[in-house]
Structures are given as C-alpha cells and as structure tokens.
PDB file of N, CA and C in Angstrom:
ATOM      1  N   MET A   1     114.445 187.483 160.568  1.00  0.00           N
ATOM      2  CA  MET A   1     114.858 188.857 160.913  1.00  0.00           C
ATOM      3  C   MET A   1     113.906 189.874 160.229  1.00  0.00           C
ATOM      4  N   THR A   2     113.108 190.511 161.011  1.00  0.00           N
ATOM      5  CA  THR A   2     112.181 191.459 160.475  1.00  0.00           C
ATOM      6  C   THR A   2     112.636 192.894 160.778  1.00  0.00           C
ATOM      7  N   LEU A   3     112.524 193.711 159.793  1.00  0.00           N
ATOM      8  CA  LEU A   3     112.931 195.127 159.931  1.00  0.00           C
ATOM      9  C   LEU A   3     111.683 196.027 159.973  1.00  0.00           C
ATOM     10  N   SER A   4     111.816 197.066 160.758  1.00  0.00           N
ATOM     11  CA  SER A   4     110.685 198.040 160.835  1.00  0.00           C
ATOM     12  C   SER A   4     110.756 198.926 159.600  1.00  0.00           C
ATOM     13  N   LYS A   5     109.746 199.716 159.410  1.00  0.00           N
ATOM     14  CA  LYS A   5     109.677 200.599 158.215  1.00  0.00           C
ATOM     15  C   LYS A   5     110.822 201.571 158.201  1.00  0.00           C
ATOM     16  N   GLU A   6     111.177 202.129 159.375  1.00  0.00           N
ATOM     17  CA  GLU A   6     112.287 203.102 159.473  1.00  0.00           C
ATOM     18  C   GLU A   6     113.646 202.433 159.111  1.00  0.00           C
ATOM     19  N   GLU A   7     113.788 201.185 159.582  1.00  0.00           N
ATOM     20  CA  GLU A   7     115.011 200.462 159.297  1.00  0.00           C
ATOM     21  C   GLU A   7     115.166 200.201 157.822  1.00  0.00           C
ATOM     22  N   TRP A   8     114.118 199.808 157.212  1.00  0.00           N
ATOM     23  CA  TRP A   8     114.112 199.563 155.741  1.00  0.00           C
ATOM     24  C   TRP A   8     114.461 200.830 154.988  1.00  0.00           C
ATOM     25  N   TYR A   9     113.852 201.938 155.435  1.00  0.00           N
ATOM     26  CA  TYR A   9     114.070 203.222 154.789  1.00  0.00           C
ATOM     27  C   TYR A   9     115.590 203.600 154.887  1.00  0.00           C
ATOM     28  N   LEU A  10     116.178 203.424 156.087  1.00  0.00           N
ATOM     29  CA  LEU A  10     117.603 203.723 156.286  1.00  0.00           C
ATOM     30  C   LEU A  10     118.501 202.799 155.454  1.00  0.00           C
ATOM     31  N   LEU A  11     118.098 201.521 155.391  1.00  0.00           N
ATOM     32  CA  LEU A  11     118.908 200.565 154.623  1.00  0.00           C
ATOM     33  C   LEU A  11     118.906 200.926 153.154  1.00  0.00           C
ATOM     34  N   VAL A  12     117.732 201.233 152.595  1.00  0.00           N
ATOM     35  CA  VAL A  12     117.654 201.585 151.191  1.00  0.00           C
ATOM     36  C   VAL A  12     118.361 202.904 150.910  1.00  0.00           C
ATOM     37  N   LEU A  13     118.230 203.869 151.837  1.00  0.00           N
ATOM     38  CA  LEU A  13     118.889 205.180 151.713  1.00  0.00           C
ATOM     39  C   LEU A  13     120.404 204.971 151.727  1.00  0.00           C
ATOM     40  N   GLY A  14     120.886 204.105 152.630  1.00  0.00           N
ATOM     41  CA  GLY A  14     122.272 203.807 152.748  1.00  0.00           C
ATOM     42  C   GLY A  14     122.832 203.171 151.477  1.00  0.00           C
ATOM     43  N   LYS A  15     122.085 202.246 150.907  1.00  0.00           N
ATOM     44  CA  LYS A  15     122.476 201.599 149.643  1.00  0.00           C
ATOM     45  C   LYS A  15     122.564 202.588 148.503  1.00  0.00           C
ATOM     46  N   ILE A  16     121.564 203.484 148.469  1.00  0.00           N
ATOM     47  CA  ILE A  16     121.544 204.482 147.389  1.00  0.00           C
ATOM     48  C   ILE A  16     122.751 205.424 147.554  1.00  0.00           C
ATOM     49  N   CYS A  17     122.989 205.887 148.725  1.00  0.00           N
ATOM     50  CA  CYS A  17     124.126 206.775 148.987  1.00  0.00           C
ATOM     51  C   CYS A  17     125.451 206.058 148.610  1.00  0.00           C
ATOM     52  N   TRP A  18     125.545 204.778 149.014  1.00  0.00           N
ATOM     53  CA  TRP A  18     126.715 204.012 148.745  1.00  0.00           C
ATOM     54  C   TRP A  18     126.978 203.912 147.239  1.00  0.00           C
ATOM     55  N   SER A  19     125.966 203.558 146.490  1.00  0.00           N
ATOM     56  CA  SER A  19     126.156 203.401 145.021  1.00  0.00           C
ATOM     57  C   SER A  19     126.392 204.752 144.376  1.00  0.00           C
ATOM     58  N   MET A  20     125.779 205.831 144.888  1.00  0.00           N
ATOM     59  CA  MET A  20     126.081 207.151 144.391  1.00  0.00           C
ATOM     60  C   MET A  20     127.548 207.526 144.590  1.00  0.00           C
ATOM     61  N   ASN A  21     128.028 207.154 145.779  1.00  0.00           N
ATOM     62  CA  ASN A  21     129.429 207.446 146.071  1.00  0.00           C
ATOM     63  C   ASN A  21     130.358 206.746 145.163  1.00  0.00           C
ATOM     64  N   ILE A  22     130.104 205.452 144.868  1.00  0.00           N
ATOM     65  CA  ILE A  22     130.879 204.686 143.961  1.00  0.00           C
ATOM     66  C   ILE A  22     130.822 205.262 142.557  1.00  0.00           C
ATOM     67  N   LEU A  23     129.605 205.679 142.144  1.00  0.00           N
ATOM     68  CA  LEU A  23     129.376 206.237 140.872  1.00  0.00           C
ATOM     69  C   LEU A  23     130.170 207.521 140.653  1.00  0.00           C
ATOM     70  N   SER A  24     130.075 208.397 141.664  1.00  0.00           N
ATOM     71  CA  SER A  24     130.755 209.693 141.568  1.00  0.00           C
ATOM     72  C   SER A  24     132.254 209.512 141.621  1.00  0.00           C
ATOM     73  N   MET A  25     132.707 208.463 142.319  1.00  0.00           N
ATOM     74  CA  MET A  25     134.122 208.162 142.343  1.00  0.00           C
ATOM     75  C   MET A  25     134.630 207.738 140.957  1.00  0.00           C
ATOM     76  N   ILE A  26     133.826 206.865 140.294  1.00  0.00           N
ATOM     77  CA  ILE A  26     134.193 206.403 138.957  1.00  0.00           C
ATOM     78  C   ILE A  26     134.168 207.553 137.957  1.00  0.00           C
ATOM     79  N   LEU A  27     133.138 208.367 138.048  1.00  0.00           N
ATOM     80  CA  LEU A  27     133.042 209.530 137.175  1.00  0.00           C
ATOM     81  C   LEU A  27     134.195 210.470 137.360  1.00  0.00           C
ATOM     82  N   GLY A  28     134.491 210.741 138.623  1.00  0.00           N
ATOM     83  CA  GLY A  28     135.638 211.627 138.937  1.00  0.00           C
ATOM     84  C   GLY A  28     136.937 211.074 138.459  1.00  0.00           C
ATOM     85  N   PHE A  29     137.040 209.749 138.596  1.00  0.00           N
ATOM     86  CA  PHE A  29     138.287 209.075 138.210  1.00  0.00           C
ATOM     87  C   PHE A  29     138.478 209.124 136.682  1.00  0.00           C
ATOM     88  N   THR A  30     137.393 208.939 135.903  1.00  0.00           N
ATOM     89  CA  THR A  30     137.516 208.999 134.458  1.00  0.00           C
ATOM     90  C   THR A  30     137.783 210.451 133.995  1.00  0.00           C
ATOM     91  N   PHE A  31     137.181 211.368 134.721  1.00  0.00           N
ATOM     92  CA  PHE A  31     137.405 212.809 134.390  1.00  0.00           C
ATOM     93  C   PHE A  31     138.881 213.162 134.617  1.00  0.00           C
ATOM     94  N   ILE A  32     139.407 212.664 135.720  1.00  0.00           N
ATOM     95  CA  ILE A  32     140.833 212.942 136.079  1.00  0.00           C
ATOM     96  C   ILE A  32     141.745 212.214 135.053  1.00  0.00           C
ATOM     97  N   ALA A  33     141.362 210.953 134.678  1.00  0.00           N
ATOM     98  CA  ALA A  33     142.139 210.198 133.742  1.00  0.00           C
ATOM     99  C   ALA A  33     142.207 210.914 132.388  1.00  0.00           C
ATOM    100  N   LYS A  34     141.155 211.612 132.014  1.00  0.00           N
ATOM    101  CA  LYS A  34     141.137 212.387 130.789  1.00  0.00           C
ATOM    102  C   LYS A  34     142.053 213.578 130.858  1.00  0.00           C
ATOM    103  N   LYS A  35     142.084 214.208 132.048  1.00  0.00           N
ATOM    104  CA  LYS A  35     142.918 215.376 132.206  1.00  0.00           C
ATOM    105  C   LYS A  35     144.386 214.981 132.238  1.00  0.00           C
ATOM    106  N   PHE A  36     144.703 213.984 133.030  1.00  0.00           N
ATOM    107  CA  PHE A  36     146.063 213.511 133.102  1.00  0.00           C
ATOM    108  C   PHE A  36     146.244 212.228 132.292  1.00  0.00           C
ATOM    109  N   HIS A  37     147.033 212.313 131.257  1.00  0.00           N
ATOM    110  CA  HIS A  37     147.161 211.126 130.395  1.00  0.00           C
ATOM    111  C   HIS A  37     148.249 210.177 130.870  1.00  0.00           C
ATOM    112  N   SER A  38     149.176 210.650 131.699  1.00  0.00           N
ATOM    113  CA  SER A  38     150.250 209.757 132.161  1.00  0.00           C
ATOM    114  C   SER A  38     149.734 208.786 133.217  1.00  0.00           C
ATOM    115  N   LEU A  39     150.146 207.545 133.055  1.00  0.00           N
ATOM    116  CA  LEU A  39     149.678 206.443 133.905  1.00  0.00           C
ATOM    117  C   LEU A  39     150.136 206.661 135.365  1.00  0.00           C
ATOM    118  N   LYS A  40     151.277 207.273 135.571  1.00  0.00           N
ATOM    119  CA  LYS A  40     151.834 207.508 136.885  1.00  0.00           C
ATOM    120  C   LYS A  40     150.887 208.357 137.707  1.00  0.00           C
ATOM    121  N   ASP A  41     150.344 209.417 137.122  1.00  0.00           N
ATOM    122  CA  ASP A  41     149.413 210.295 137.819  1.00  0.00           C
ATOM    123  C   ASP A  41     148.123 209.551 138.207  1.00  0.00           C
ATOM    124  N   ILE A  42     147.632 208.725 137.281  1.00  0.00           N
ATOM    125  CA  ILE A  42     146.439 207.959 137.524  1.00  0.00           C
ATOM    126  C   ILE A  42     146.631 206.945 138.658  1.00  0.00           C
ATOM    127  N   LEU A  43     147.814 206.299 138.665  1.00  0.00           N
ATOM    128  CA  LEU A  43     148.123 205.331 139.694  1.00  0.00           C
ATOM    129  C   LEU A  43     148.241 206.045 141.046  1.00  0.00           C
ATOM    130  N   ALA A  44     148.878 207.201 141.045  1.00  0.00           N
ATOM    131  CA  ALA A  44     149.015 207.949 142.313  1.00  0.00           C
ATOM    132  C   ALA A  44     147.674 208.392 142.876  1.00  0.00           C
ATOM    133  N   LEU A  45     146.775 208.801 141.963  1.00  0.00           N
ATOM    134  CA  LEU A  45     145.413 209.182 142.368  1.00  0.00           C
ATOM    135  C   LEU A  45     144.621 207.950 142.839  1.00  0.00           C
ATOM    136  N   GLY A  46     144.846 206.818 142.216  1.00  0.00           N
ATOM    137  CA  GLY A  46     144.212 205.571 142.583  1.00  0.00           C
ATOM    138  C   GLY A  46     144.615 205.204 144.017  1.00  0.00           C
ATOM    139  N   LEU A  47     145.898 205.339 144.317  1.00  0.00           N
ATOM    140  CA  LEU A  47     146.383 205.048 145.688  1.00  0.00           C
ATOM    141  C   LEU A  47     145.854 206.050 146.677  1.00  0.00           C
ATOM    142  N   TYR A  48     145.673 207.257 146.231  1.00  0.00           N
ATOM    143  CA  TYR A  48     145.157 208.348 147.090  1.00  0.00           C
ATOM    144  C   TYR A  48     143.670 208.044 147.459  1.00  0.00           C
ATOM    145  N   TYR A  49     142.900 207.503 146.509  1.00  0.00           N
ATOM    146  CA  TYR A  49     141.517 207.200 146.737  1.00  0.00           C
ATOM    147  C   TYR A  49     141.320 206.014 147.674  1.00  0.00           C
ATOM    148  N   PHE A  50     142.195 204.971 147.582  1.00  0.00           N
ATOM    149  CA  PHE A  50     141.978 203.741 148.306  1.00  0.00           C
ATOM    150  C   PHE A  50     142.958 203.567 149.467  1.00  0.00           C
TER     151      PHE A  50
END
C-alpha cells in the first residue's frame, strides 16, 4: 500500500489533530477536576464527554 505525498500529509495532520484533541480533553478534564472536588461532578462530566 503506497500513499501519495498528499495522503501522507493528511494522515500525519489527522494524527496530530487527534492527539491534540485527546491532550486538550485531558487538560480540560484535570482543570475541571480541580474546580469541582466532588466525585459526582467529575463522573457526570466524564459521562458527558464520552
């Protein structure tokens, strides 16, 4: 399976965007967890995210 230059570019870009998305979600989640200390709020937000 050979990919063209454009396809490689899109694949790499997609991977970067995907990991950035995961990273920002984790950062946002820890930020929220610091704001709300109760476990119920964190669980509710976890369910909201997924």
